[in-house]
PDB file of N, CA and C in Angstrom:
ATOM      1  N   MET A   1       4.867   6.216  -5.365  1.00  0.00           N
ATOM      2  CA  MET A   1       5.449   4.904  -5.434  1.00  0.00           C
ATOM      3  C   MET A   1       5.312   4.408  -6.872  1.00  0.00           C
ATOM      4  N   ILE A   2       6.405   3.974  -7.443  1.00  0.00           N
ATOM      5  CA  ILE A   2       6.414   3.425  -8.796  1.00  0.00           C
ATOM      6  C   ILE A   2       7.113   2.070  -8.715  1.00  0.00           C
ATOM      7  N   ALA A   3       6.626   1.110  -9.476  1.00  0.00           N
ATOM      8  CA  ALA A   3       7.284  -0.190  -9.550  1.00  0.00           C
ATOM      9  C   ALA A   3       6.781  -0.907 -10.789  1.00  0.00           C
ATOM     10  N   GLY A   4       7.551  -1.870 -11.238  1.00  0.00           N
ATOM     11  CA  GLY A   4       7.107  -2.761 -12.287  1.00  0.00           C
ATOM     12  C   GLY A   4       6.566  -4.028 -11.645  1.00  0.00           C
ATOM     13  N   TYR A   5       5.943  -4.857 -12.449  1.00  0.00           N
ATOM     14  CA  TYR A   5       5.354  -6.100 -11.956  1.00  0.00           C
ATOM     15  C   TYR A   5       5.634  -7.178 -12.985  1.00  0.00           C
ATOM     16  N   ARG A   6       6.365  -8.212 -12.568  1.00  0.00           N
ATOM     17  CA  ARG A   6       6.693  -9.297 -13.499  1.00  0.00           C
ATOM     18  C   ARG A   6       6.671 -10.618 -12.748  1.00  0.00           C
ATOM     19  N   ASP A   7       5.996 -11.590 -13.329  1.00  0.00           N
ATOM     20  CA  ASP A   7       5.931 -12.928 -12.747  1.00  0.00           C
ATOM     21  C   ASP A   7       5.466 -12.905 -11.293  1.00  0.00           C
ATOM     22  N   GLY A   8       4.465 -12.067 -11.002  1.00  0.00           N
ATOM     23  CA  GLY A   8       3.912 -12.013  -9.661  1.00  0.00           C
ATOM     24  C   GLY A   8       4.766 -11.284  -8.644  1.00  0.00           C
ATOM     25  N   GLN A   9       5.813 -10.606  -9.097  1.00  0.00           N
ATOM     26  CA  GLN A   9       6.727  -9.908  -8.197  1.00  0.00           C
ATOM     27  C   GLN A   9       6.869  -8.441  -8.599  1.00  0.00           C
ATOM     28  N   LEU A  10       7.038  -7.575  -7.610  1.00  0.00           N
ATOM     29  CA  LEU A  10       7.380  -6.188  -7.900  1.00  0.00           C
ATOM     30  C   LEU A  10       8.839  -6.128  -8.316  1.00  0.00           C
ATOM     31  N   ILE A  11       9.125  -5.288  -9.301  1.00  0.00           N
ATOM     32  CA  ILE A  11      10.518  -5.051  -9.678  1.00  0.00           C
ATOM     33  C   ILE A  11      10.745  -3.542  -9.730  1.00  0.00           C
ATOM     34  N   SER A  12      11.942  -3.136  -9.461  1.00  0.00           N
ATOM     35  CA  SER A  12      12.376  -1.748  -9.573  1.00  0.00           C
ATOM     36  C   SER A  12      11.512  -0.768  -8.785  1.00  0.00           C
ATOM     37  N   PRO A  13      11.249  -1.042  -7.501  1.00  0.00           N
ATOM     38  CA  PRO A  13      10.440  -0.094  -6.738  1.00  0.00           C
ATOM     39  C   PRO A  13      11.173   1.240  -6.552  1.00  0.00           C
ATOM     40  N   PHE A  14      10.401   2.305  -6.512  1.00  0.00           N
ATOM     41  CA  PHE A  14      10.946   3.663  -6.466  1.00  0.00           C
ATOM     42  C   PHE A  14       9.931   4.531  -5.742  1.00  0.00           C
ATOM     43  N   THR A  15      10.370   5.299  -4.764  1.00  0.00           N
ATOM     44  CA  THR A  15       9.459   6.208  -4.081  1.00  0.00           C
ATOM     45  C   THR A  15       9.896   7.644  -4.284  1.00  0.00           C
ATOM     46  N   ILE A  16       8.916   8.527  -4.325  1.00  0.00           N
ATOM     47  CA  ILE A  16       9.181   9.960  -4.443  1.00  0.00           C
ATOM     48  C   ILE A  16       8.240  10.683  -3.479  1.00  0.00           C
ATOM     49  N   GLU A  17       8.601  11.891  -3.151  1.00  0.00           N
ATOM     50  CA  GLU A  17       7.691  12.747  -2.401  1.00  0.00           C
ATOM     51  C   GLU A  17       6.965  13.609  -3.412  1.00  0.00           C
ATOM     52  N   GLY A  18       5.651  13.645  -3.331  1.00  0.00           N
ATOM     53  CA  GLY A  18       4.870  14.426  -4.276  1.00  0.00           C
ATOM     54  C   GLY A  18       4.256  13.543  -5.333  1.00  0.00           C
ATOM     55  N   ALA A  19       3.730  14.189  -6.341  1.00  0.00           N
ATOM     56  CA  ALA A  19       3.037  13.473  -7.412  1.00  0.00           C
ATOM     57  C   ALA A  19       4.007  13.015  -8.495  1.00  0.00           C
ATOM     58  N   CYS A  20       3.615  11.969  -9.176  1.00  0.00           N
ATOM     59  CA  CYS A  20       4.410  11.491 -10.302  1.00  0.00           C
ATOM     60  C   CYS A  20       4.040  12.307 -11.539  1.00  0.00           C
ATOM     61  N   ASN A  21       5.021  12.517 -12.388  1.00  0.00           N
ATOM     62  CA  ASN A  21       4.795  13.176 -13.678  1.00  0.00           C
ATOM     63  C   ASN A  21       5.695  12.497 -14.695  1.00  0.00           C
ATOM     64  N   ARG A  22       5.661  12.969 -15.918  1.00  0.00           N
ATOM     65  CA  ARG A  22       6.422  12.315 -16.977  1.00  0.00           C
ATOM     66  C   ARG A  22       7.925  12.339 -16.687  1.00  0.00           C
ATOM     67  N   THR A  23       8.444  13.431 -16.170  1.00  0.00           N
ATOM     68  CA  THR A  23       9.886  13.523 -15.875  1.00  0.00           C
ATOM     69  C   THR A  23      10.286  12.473 -14.842  1.00  0.00           C
ATOM     70  N   VAL A  24       9.523  12.360 -13.773  1.00  0.00           N
ATOM     71  CA  VAL A  24       9.808  11.357 -12.745  1.00  0.00           C
ATOM     72  C   VAL A  24       9.719   9.954 -13.336  1.00  0.00           C
ATOM     73  N   PHE A  25       8.702   9.714 -14.141  1.00  0.00           N
ATOM     74  CA  PHE A  25       8.524   8.406 -14.758  1.00  0.00           C
ATOM     75  C   PHE A  25       9.705   8.070 -15.670  1.00  0.00           C
ATOM     76  N   GLU A  26      10.172   9.030 -16.444  1.00  0.00           N
ATOM     77  CA  GLU A  26      11.328   8.795 -17.324  1.00  0.00           C
ATOM     78  C   GLU A  26      12.584   8.512 -16.507  1.00  0.00           C
ATOM     79  N   ILE A  27      12.773   9.230 -15.402  1.00  0.00           N
ATOM     80  CA  ILE A  27      13.933   8.970 -14.528  1.00  0.00           C
ATOM     81  C   ILE A  27      13.858   7.554 -13.979  1.00  0.00           C
ATOM     82  N   TRP A  28      12.651   7.138 -13.543  1.00  0.00           N
ATOM     83  CA  TRP A  28      12.479   5.775 -13.045  1.00  0.00           C
ATOM     84  C   TRP A  28      12.797   4.764 -14.131  1.00  0.00           C
ATOM     85  N   LEU A  29      12.313   5.004 -15.352  1.00  0.00           N
ATOM     86  CA  LEU A  29      12.602   4.076 -16.456  1.00  0.00           C
ATOM     87  C   LEU A  29      14.102   3.905 -16.633  1.00  0.00           C
ATOM     88  N   VAL A  30      14.815   5.019 -16.734  1.00  0.00           N
ATOM     89  CA  VAL A  30      16.252   4.987 -17.028  1.00  0.00           C
ATOM     90  C   VAL A  30      17.058   4.384 -15.880  1.00  0.00           C
ATOM     91  N   THR A  31      16.743   4.777 -14.642  1.00  0.00           N
ATOM     92  CA  THR A  31      17.583   4.363 -13.521  1.00  0.00           C
ATOM     93  C   THR A  31      17.171   3.046 -12.867  1.00  0.00           C
ATOM     94  N   CYS A  32      15.906   2.691 -12.969  1.00  0.00           N
ATOM     95  CA  CYS A  32      15.421   1.517 -12.233  1.00  0.00           C
ATOM     96  C   CYS A  32      14.917   0.382 -13.123  1.00  0.00           C
ATOM     97  N   LEU A  33      13.995   0.690 -14.042  1.00  0.00           N
ATOM     98  CA  LEU A  33      13.360  -0.393 -14.794  1.00  0.00           C
ATOM     99  C   LEU A  33      14.205  -0.896 -15.954  1.00  0.00           C
ATOM    100  N   ILE A  34      14.662  -0.014 -16.808  1.00  0.00           N
ATOM    101  CA  ILE A  34      15.376  -0.451 -18.017  1.00  0.00           C
ATOM    102  C   ILE A  34      16.598  -1.329 -17.696  1.00  0.00           C
ATOM    103  N   PRO A  35      17.371  -1.033 -16.644  1.00  0.00           N
ATOM    104  CA  PRO A  35      18.482  -1.946 -16.330  1.00  0.00           C
ATOM    105  C   PRO A  35      18.036  -3.377 -15.996  1.00  0.00           C
ATOM    106  N   LYS A  36      16.772  -3.573 -15.609  1.00  0.00           N
ATOM    107  CA  LYS A  36      16.258  -4.909 -15.282  1.00  0.00           C
ATOM    108  C   LYS A  36      15.633  -5.617 -16.481  1.00  0.00           C
ATOM    109  N   LEU A  37      15.446  -4.901 -17.584  1.00  0.00           N
ATOM    110  CA  LEU A  37      14.780  -5.481 -18.753  1.00  0.00           C
ATOM    111  C   LEU A  37      15.755  -6.263 -19.621  1.00  0.00           C
ATOM    112  N   GLN A  38      15.195  -7.223 -20.338  1.00  0.00           N
ATOM    113  CA  GLN A  38      15.943  -7.980 -21.336  1.00  0.00           C
ATOM    114  C   GLN A  38      15.395  -7.610 -22.710  1.00  0.00           C
ATOM    115  N   PRO A  39      16.211  -7.681 -23.757  1.00  0.00           N
ATOM    116  CA  PRO A  39      15.683  -7.408 -25.100  1.00  0.00           C
ATOM    117  C   PRO A  39      14.441  -8.263 -25.362  1.00  0.00           C
ATOM    118  N   ASN A  40      13.488  -7.700 -26.038  1.00  0.00           N
ATOM    119  CA  ASN A  40      12.209  -8.313 -26.391  1.00  0.00           C
ATOM    120  C   ASN A  40      11.200  -8.383 -25.243  1.00  0.00           C
ATOM    121  N   ASP A  41      11.530  -7.854 -24.047  1.00  0.00           N
ATOM    122  CA  ASP A  41      10.520  -7.747 -22.993  1.00  0.00           C
ATOM    123  C   ASP A  41       9.451  -6.756 -23.437  1.00  0.00           C
ATOM    124  N   TRP A  42       8.276  -6.906 -22.906  1.00  0.00           N
ATOM    125  CA  TRP A  42       7.180  -5.968 -23.138  1.00  0.00           C
ATOM    126  C   TRP A  42       7.015  -5.117 -21.891  1.00  0.00           C
ATOM    127  N   VAL A  43       6.832  -3.838 -22.075  1.00  0.00           N
ATOM    128  CA  VAL A  43       6.504  -2.931 -20.986  1.00  0.00           C
ATOM    129  C   VAL A  43       5.068  -2.486 -21.231  1.00  0.00           C
ATOM    130  N   ILE A  44       4.189  -2.882 -20.342  1.00  0.00           N
ATOM    131  CA  ILE A  44       2.759  -2.590 -20.503  1.00  0.00           C
ATOM    132  C   ILE A  44       2.404  -1.426 -19.588  1.00  0.00           C
ATOM    133  N   ILE A  45       1.829  -0.385 -20.174  1.00  0.00           N
ATOM    134  CA  ILE A  45       1.460   0.799 -19.399  1.00  0.00           C
ATOM    135  C   ILE A  45      -0.049   1.010 -19.460  1.00  0.00           C
ATOM    136  N   ASP A  46      -0.574   1.630 -18.413  1.00  0.00           N
ATOM    137  CA  ASP A  46      -1.999   1.966 -18.438  1.00  0.00           C
ATOM    138  C   ASP A  46      -2.152   3.389 -18.975  1.00  0.00           C
ATOM    139  N   ASN A  47      -3.253   4.014 -18.678  1.00  0.00           N
ATOM    140  CA  ASN A  47      -3.548   5.297 -19.303  1.00  0.00           C
ATOM    141  C   ASN A  47      -3.285   6.503 -18.423  1.00  0.00           C
ATOM    142  N   ALA A  48      -2.425   6.369 -17.440  1.00  0.00           N
ATOM    143  CA  ALA A  48      -2.011   7.542 -16.670  1.00  0.00           C
ATOM    144  C   ALA A  48      -1.396   8.540 -17.661  1.00  0.00           C
ATOM    145  N   THR A  49      -1.716   9.792 -17.507  1.00  0.00           N
ATOM    146  CA  THR A  49      -1.250  10.784 -18.485  1.00  0.00           C
ATOM    147  C   THR A  49       0.265  10.835 -18.581  1.00  0.00           C
ATOM    148  N   PHE A  50       0.967  10.606 -17.475  1.00  0.00           N
ATOM    149  CA  PHE A  50       2.431  10.683 -17.517  1.00  0.00           C
ATOM    150  C   PHE A  50       3.076   9.467 -18.175  1.00  0.00           C
ATOM    151  N   HIS A  51       2.314   8.439 -18.498  1.00  0.00           N
ATOM    152  CA  HIS A  51       2.854   7.273 -19.200  1.00  0.00           C
ATOM    153  C   HIS A  51       3.029   7.521 -20.697  1.00  0.00           C
ATOM    154  N   HIS A  52       2.488   8.596 -21.196  1.00  0.00           N
ATOM    155  CA  HIS A  52       2.469   8.831 -22.641  1.00  0.00           C
ATOM    156  C   HIS A  52       3.220  10.112 -22.988  1.00  0.00           C
ATOM    157  N   GLY A  53       3.875  10.090 -24.127  1.00  0.00           N
ATOM    158  CA  GLY A  53       4.583  11.275 -24.608  1.00  0.00           C
ATOM    159  C   GLY A  53       6.020  11.310 -24.123  1.00  0.00           C
ATOM    160  N   GLY A  54       6.643  12.435 -24.318  1.00  0.00           N
ATOM    161  CA  GLY A  54       8.037  12.584 -23.923  1.00  0.00           C
ATOM    162  C   GLY A  54       8.918  11.556 -24.609  1.00  0.00           C
ATOM    163  N   LYS A  55       9.889  11.037 -23.863  1.00  0.00           N
ATOM    164  CA  LYS A  55      10.854  10.075 -24.399  1.00  0.00           C
ATOM    165  C   LYS A  55      10.514   8.633 -24.030  1.00  0.00           C
ATOM    166  N   ILE A  56       9.343   8.407 -23.476  1.00  0.00           N
ATOM    167  CA  ILE A  56       9.034   7.093 -22.914  1.00  0.00           C
ATOM    168  C   ILE A  56       9.150   5.974 -23.949  1.00  0.00           C
ATOM    169  N   ARG A  57       8.490   6.120 -25.069  1.00  0.00           N
ATOM    170  CA  ARG A  57       8.574   5.081 -26.108  1.00  0.00           C
ATOM    171  C   ARG A  57      10.023   4.900 -26.577  1.00  0.00           C
ATOM    172  N   GLU A  58      10.688   6.012 -26.820  1.00  0.00           N
ATOM    173  CA  GLU A  58      12.079   5.969 -27.290  1.00  0.00           C
ATOM    174  C   GLU A  58      12.977   5.242 -26.286  1.00  0.00           C
ATOM    175  N   LEU A  59      12.832   5.526 -24.994  1.00  0.00           N
ATOM    176  CA  LEU A  59      13.658   4.892 -23.969  1.00  0.00           C
ATOM    177  C   LEU A  59      13.432   3.380 -23.939  1.00  0.00           C
ATOM    178  N   ILE A  60      12.184   2.970 -23.970  1.00  0.00           N
ATOM    179  CA  ILE A  60      11.866   1.545 -23.898  1.00  0.00           C
ATOM    180  C   ILE A  60      12.317   0.816 -25.165  1.00  0.00           C
ATOM    181  N   GLU A  61      12.051   1.401 -26.314  1.00  0.00           N
ATOM    182  CA  GLU A  61      12.446   0.752 -27.562  1.00  0.00           C
ATOM    183  C   GLU A  61      13.959   0.737 -27.748  1.00  0.00           C
ATOM    184  N   SER A  62      14.659   1.740 -27.216  1.00  0.00           N
ATOM    185  CA  SER A  62      16.127   1.740 -27.333  1.00  0.00           C
ATOM    186  C   SER A  62      16.754   0.634 -26.484  1.00  0.00           C
ATOM    187  N   ALA A  63      15.992   0.106 -25.521  1.00  0.00           N
ATOM    188  CA  ALA A  63      16.457  -1.032 -24.729  1.00  0.00           C
ATOM    189  C   ALA A  63      16.105  -2.352 -25.408  1.00  0.00           C
ATOM    190  N   GLY A  64      15.544  -2.277 -26.627  1.00  0.00           N
ATOM    191  CA  GLY A  64      15.178  -3.479 -27.365  1.00  0.00           C
ATOM    192  C   GLY A  64      13.864  -4.081 -26.903  1.00  0.00           C
ATOM    193  N   CYS A  65      13.052  -3.275 -26.236  1.00  0.00           N
ATOM    194  CA  CYS A  65      11.784  -3.758 -25.686  1.00  0.00           C
ATOM    195  C   CYS A  65      10.609  -3.141 -26.432  1.00  0.00           C
ATOM    196  N   LYS A  66       9.429  -3.675 -26.187  1.00  0.00           N
ATOM    197  CA  LYS A  66       8.221  -3.206 -26.851  1.00  0.00           C
ATOM    198  C   LYS A  66       7.322  -2.517 -25.832  1.00  0.00           C
ATOM    199  N   LEU A  67       6.798  -1.356 -26.186  1.00  0.00           N
ATOM    200  CA  LEU A  67       5.848  -0.629 -25.354  1.00  0.00           C
ATOM    201  C   LEU A  67       4.435  -0.984 -25.790  1.00  0.00           C
ATOM    202  N   VAL A  68       3.613  -1.414 -24.831  1.00  0.00           N
ATOM    203  CA  VAL A  68       2.228  -1.789 -25.107  1.00  0.00           C
ATOM    204  C   VAL A  68       1.334  -0.976 -24.178  1.00  0.00           C
ATOM    205  N   SER A  69       0.315  -0.339 -24.740  1.00  0.00           N
ATOM    206  CA  SER A  69      -0.637   0.433 -23.940  1.00  0.00           C
ATOM    207  C   SER A  69      -1.916  -0.360 -23.760  1.00  0.00           C
ATOM    208  N   LEU A  70      -2.425  -0.361 -22.538  1.00  0.00           N
ATOM    209  CA  LEU A  70      -3.705  -1.012 -22.277  1.00  0.00           C
ATOM    210  C   LEU A  70      -4.834  -0.180 -22.870  1.00  0.00           C
ATOM    211  N   PRO A  71      -5.982  -0.805 -23.142  1.00  0.00           N
ATOM    212  CA  PRO A  71      -7.151  -0.034 -23.590  1.00  0.00           C
ATOM    213  C   PRO A  71      -7.545   1.009 -22.537  1.00  0.00           C
ATOM    214  N   ALA A  72      -8.351   1.978 -22.940  1.00  0.00           N
ATOM    215  CA  ALA A  72      -8.686   3.125 -22.091  1.00  0.00           C
ATOM    216  C   ALA A  72      -9.128   2.736 -20.682  1.00  0.00           C
ATOM    217  N   TYR A  73     -10.035   1.817 -20.519  1.00  0.00           N
ATOM    218  CA  TYR A  73     -10.452   1.402 -19.185  1.00  0.00           C
ATOM    219  C   TYR A  73     -10.350  -0.104 -19.135  1.00  0.00           C
ATOM    220  N   SER A  74      -9.336  -0.597 -18.437  1.00  0.00           N
ATOM    221  CA  SER A  74      -9.092  -2.038 -18.469  1.00  0.00           C
ATOM    222  C   SER A  74      -8.557  -2.557 -17.140  1.00  0.00           C
ATOM    223  N   PRO A  75      -9.236  -2.318 -16.019  1.00  0.00           N
ATOM    224  CA  PRO A  75      -8.704  -2.775 -14.736  1.00  0.00           C
ATOM    225  C   PRO A  75      -8.508  -4.284 -14.660  1.00  0.00           C
ATOM    226  N   ASP A  76      -9.301  -5.050 -15.400  1.00  0.00           N
ATOM    227  CA  ASP A  76      -9.137  -6.505 -15.367  1.00  0.00           C
ATOM    228  C   ASP A  76      -7.858  -6.951 -16.059  1.00  0.00           C
ATOM    229  N   LEU A  77      -7.345  -6.135 -16.967  1.00  0.00           N
ATOM    230  CA  LEU A  77      -6.111  -6.473 -17.665  1.00  0.00           C
ATOM    231  C   LEU A  77      -4.878  -5.936 -16.949  1.00  0.00           C
ATOM    232  N   ASN A  78      -5.081  -5.051 -15.994  1.00  0.00           N
ATOM    233  CA  ASN A  78      -3.976  -4.370 -15.333  1.00  0.00           C
ATOM    234  C   ASN A  78      -3.640  -5.079 -14.021  1.00  0.00           C
ATOM    235  N   ARG A  79      -2.792  -6.088 -14.099  1.00  0.00           N
ATOM    236  CA  ARG A  79      -2.477  -6.936 -12.947  1.00  0.00           C
ATOM    237  C   ARG A  79      -1.842  -6.171 -11.797  1.00  0.00           C
ATOM    238  N   ILE A  80      -1.132  -5.112 -12.100  1.00  0.00           N
ATOM    239  CA  ILE A  80      -0.452  -4.397 -11.021  1.00  0.00           C
ATOM    240  C   ILE A  80      -1.441  -3.695 -10.095  1.00  0.00           C
ATOM    241  N   GLU A  81      -2.667  -3.454 -10.548  1.00  0.00           N
ATOM    242  CA  GLU A  81      -3.656  -2.785  -9.696  1.00  0.00           C
ATOM    243  C   GLU A  81      -3.962  -3.612  -8.450  1.00  0.00           C
ATOM    244  N   LYS A  82      -4.036  -4.925  -8.578  1.00  0.00           N
ATOM    245  CA  LYS A  82      -4.257  -5.777  -7.405  1.00  0.00           C
ATOM    246  C   LYS A  82      -3.052  -5.711  -6.470  1.00  0.00           C
ATOM    247  N   CYS A  83      -1.886  -5.628  -7.048  1.00  0.00           N
ATOM    248  CA  CYS A  83      -0.674  -5.507  -6.250  1.00  0.00           C
ATOM    249  C   CYS A  83      -0.669  -4.183  -5.493  1.00  0.00           C
ATOM    250  N   TRP A  84      -1.068  -3.097  -6.159  1.00  0.00           N
ATOM    251  CA  TRP A  84      -1.124  -1.780  -5.491  1.00  0.00           C
ATOM    252  C   TRP A  84      -2.110  -1.826  -4.335  1.00  0.00           C
ATOM    253  N   ALA A  85      -3.240  -2.464  -4.505  1.00  0.00           N
ATOM    254  CA  ALA A  85      -4.231  -2.558  -3.429  1.00  0.00           C
ATOM    255  C   ALA A  85      -3.628  -3.285  -2.223  1.00  0.00           C
ATOM    256  N   TRP A  86      -2.921  -4.371  -2.474  1.00  0.00           N
ATOM    257  CA  TRP A  86      -2.276  -5.119  -1.403  1.00  0.00           C
ATOM    258  C   TRP A  86      -1.227  -4.255  -0.707  1.00  0.00           C
ATOM    259  N   LEU A  87      -0.401  -3.554  -1.495  1.00  0.00           N
ATOM    260  CA  LEU A  87       0.638  -2.698  -0.923  1.00  0.00           C
ATOM    261  C   LEU A  87       0.029  -1.593  -0.056  1.00  0.00           C
ATOM    262  N   LYS A  88      -1.012  -0.938  -0.555  1.00  0.00           N
ATOM    263  CA  LYS A  88      -1.641   0.146   0.201  1.00  0.00           C
ATOM    264  C   LYS A  88      -2.194  -0.365   1.523  1.00  0.00           C
ATOM    265  N   SER A  89      -2.769  -1.546   1.518  1.00  0.00           N
ATOM    266  CA  SER A  89      -3.288  -2.136   2.741  1.00  0.00           C
ATOM    267  C   SER A  89      -2.163  -2.362   3.754  1.00  0.00           C
ATOM    268  N   ARG A  90      -1.056  -2.907   3.288  1.00  0.00           N
ATOM    269  CA  ARG A  90       0.099  -3.155   4.169  1.00  0.00           C
ATOM    270  C   ARG A  90       0.679  -1.849   4.697  1.00  0.00           C
ATOM    271  N   ILE A  91       0.752  -0.846   3.840  1.00  0.00           N
ATOM    272  CA  ILE A  91       1.296   0.452   4.252  1.00  0.00           C
ATOM    273  C   ILE A  91       0.406   1.076   5.328  1.00  0.00           C
ATOM    274  N   ARG A  92      -0.907   1.021   5.137  1.00  0.00           N
ATOM    275  CA  ARG A  92      -1.828   1.575   6.138  1.00  0.00           C
ATOM    276  C   ARG A  92      -1.609   0.915   7.506  1.00  0.00           C
ATOM    277  N   LYS A  93      -1.408  -0.398   7.510  1.00  0.00           N
ATOM    278  CA  LYS A  93      -1.182  -1.106   8.778  1.00  0.00           C
ATOM    279  C   LYS A  93       0.138  -0.668   9.422  1.00  0.00           C
ATOM    280  N   LEU A  94       1.185  -0.541   8.628  1.00  0.00           N
ATOM    281  CA  LEU A  94       2.484  -0.128   9.162  1.00  0.00           C
ATOM    282  C   LEU A  94       2.506   1.323   9.593  1.00  0.00           C
ATOM    283  N   LEU A  95       1.714   2.140   8.951  1.00  0.00           N
ATOM    284  CA  LEU A  95       1.717   3.579   9.209  1.00  0.00           C
ATOM    285  C   LEU A  95       1.371   3.887  10.664  1.00  0.00           C
ATOM    286  N   ARG A  96       0.562   3.043  11.276  1.00  0.00           N
ATOM    287  CA  ARG A  96       0.206   3.252  12.680  1.00  0.00           C
ATOM    288  C   ARG A  96       1.428   3.254  13.589  1.00  0.00           C
ATOM    289  N   ASP A  97       2.446   2.460  13.225  1.00  0.00           N
ATOM    290  CA  ASP A  97       3.638   2.325  14.064  1.00  0.00           C
ATOM    291  C   ASP A  97       4.877   2.971  13.461  1.00  0.00           C
ATOM    292  N   SER A  98       4.730   3.645  12.328  1.00  0.00           N
ATOM    293  CA  SER A  98       5.872   4.271  11.659  1.00  0.00           C
ATOM    294  C   SER A  98       5.909   5.763  11.947  1.00  0.00           C
ATOM    295  N   ASP A  99       7.092   6.325  11.811  1.00  0.00           N
ATOM    296  CA  ASP A  99       7.248   7.760  12.028  1.00  0.00           C
ATOM    297  C   ASP A  99       6.652   8.575  10.890  1.00  0.00           C
ATOM    298  N   ASN A 100       6.675   8.004   9.678  1.00  0.00           N
ATOM    299  CA  ASN A 100       6.148   8.759   8.533  1.00  0.00           C
ATOM    300  C   ASN A 100       5.774   7.804   7.399  1.00  0.00           C
ATOM    301  N   LEU A 101       5.075   8.350   6.439  1.00  0.00           N
ATOM    302  CA  LEU A 101       4.582   7.567   5.308  1.00  0.00           C
ATOM    303  C   LEU A 101       5.719   6.953   4.505  1.00  0.00           C
ATOM    304  N   ARG A 102       6.770   7.728   4.249  1.00  0.00           N
ATOM    305  CA  ARG A 102       7.879   7.218   3.428  1.00  0.00           C
ATOM    306  C   ARG A 102       8.515   5.977   4.058  1.00  0.00           C
ATOM    307  N   ASP A 103       8.726   5.996   5.379  1.00  0.00           N
ATOM    308  CA  ASP A 103       9.313   4.826   6.045  1.00  0.00           C
ATOM    309  C   ASP A 103       8.416   3.600   5.893  1.00  0.00           C
ATOM    310  N   ALA A 104       7.102   3.812   6.052  1.00  0.00           N
ATOM    311  CA  ALA A 104       6.159   2.692   5.898  1.00  0.00           C
ATOM    312  C   ALA A 104       6.188   2.168   4.458  1.00  0.00           C
ATOM    313  N   MET A 105       6.184   3.074   3.473  1.00  0.00           N
ATOM    314  CA  MET A 105       6.214   2.661   2.076  1.00  0.00           C
ATOM    315  C   MET A 105       7.477   1.872   1.771  1.00  0.00           C
ATOM    316  N   GLU A 106       8.618   2.390   2.183  1.00  0.00           N
ATOM    317  CA  GLU A 106       9.877   1.720   1.856  1.00  0.00           C
ATOM    318  C   GLU A 106      10.003   0.373   2.557  1.00  0.00           C
ATOM    319  N   SER A 107       9.468   0.262   3.755  1.00  0.00           N
ATOM    320  CA  SER A 107       9.493  -1.033   4.445  1.00  0.00           C
ATOM    321  C   SER A 107       8.661  -2.066   3.701  1.00  0.00           C
ATOM    322  N   VAL A 108       7.467  -1.676   3.271  1.00  0.00           N
ATOM    323  CA  VAL A 108       6.608  -2.605   2.546  1.00  0.00           C
ATOM    324  C   VAL A 108       7.219  -2.944   1.190  1.00  0.00           C
ATOM    325  N   LEU A 109       7.751  -1.953   0.485  1.00  0.00           N
ATOM    326  CA  LEU A 109       8.384  -2.234  -0.808  1.00  0.00           C
ATOM    327  C   LEU A 109       9.574  -3.164  -0.675  1.00  0.00           C
ATOM    328  N   ALA A 110      10.369  -2.973   0.366  1.00  0.00           N
ATOM    329  CA  ALA A 110      11.537  -3.841   0.576  1.00  0.00           C
ATOM    330  C   ALA A 110      11.113  -5.282   0.813  1.00  0.00           C
ATOM    331  N   SER A 111      10.025  -5.478   1.530  1.00  0.00           N
ATOM    332  CA  SER A 111       9.583  -6.846   1.791  1.00  0.00           C
ATOM    333  C   SER A 111       8.872  -7.465   0.582  1.00  0.00           C
ATOM    334  N   ALA A 112       8.333  -6.627  -0.306  1.00  0.00           N
ATOM    335  CA  ALA A 112       7.573  -7.138  -1.452  1.00  0.00           C
ATOM    336  C   ALA A 112       8.420  -7.359  -2.691  1.00  0.00           C
ATOM    337  N   SER A 113       9.577  -6.756  -2.754  1.00  0.00           N
ATOM    338  CA  SER A 113      10.362  -6.878  -3.986  1.00  0.00           C
ATOM    339  C   SER A 113      11.555  -7.792  -3.818  1.00  0.00           C
TER     340      SER A 113
END
């Protein structure tokens, strides 16, 4: 599950099967997040390995935005972490009555974004 977080709201939610990597993250940037950005927006990333390298900086800066990296360990600065905790809790509750994880994830993302 990938999403942005702005003004207390999830933006550009995206689900995949399997683990995220730089290629998936770049696809999400191009197809989901960048179309929602305005020039001079800041995109703040944490230290997940797939957030760094590749075309990520180039893609964000070509949209007229600034890429900002959080310090190495900064959970207090990473507002989306609280959002992820809330989402995971909701997904766990829905999973009991859902046919599969993806359906539960997409239902929660649809209601949160």
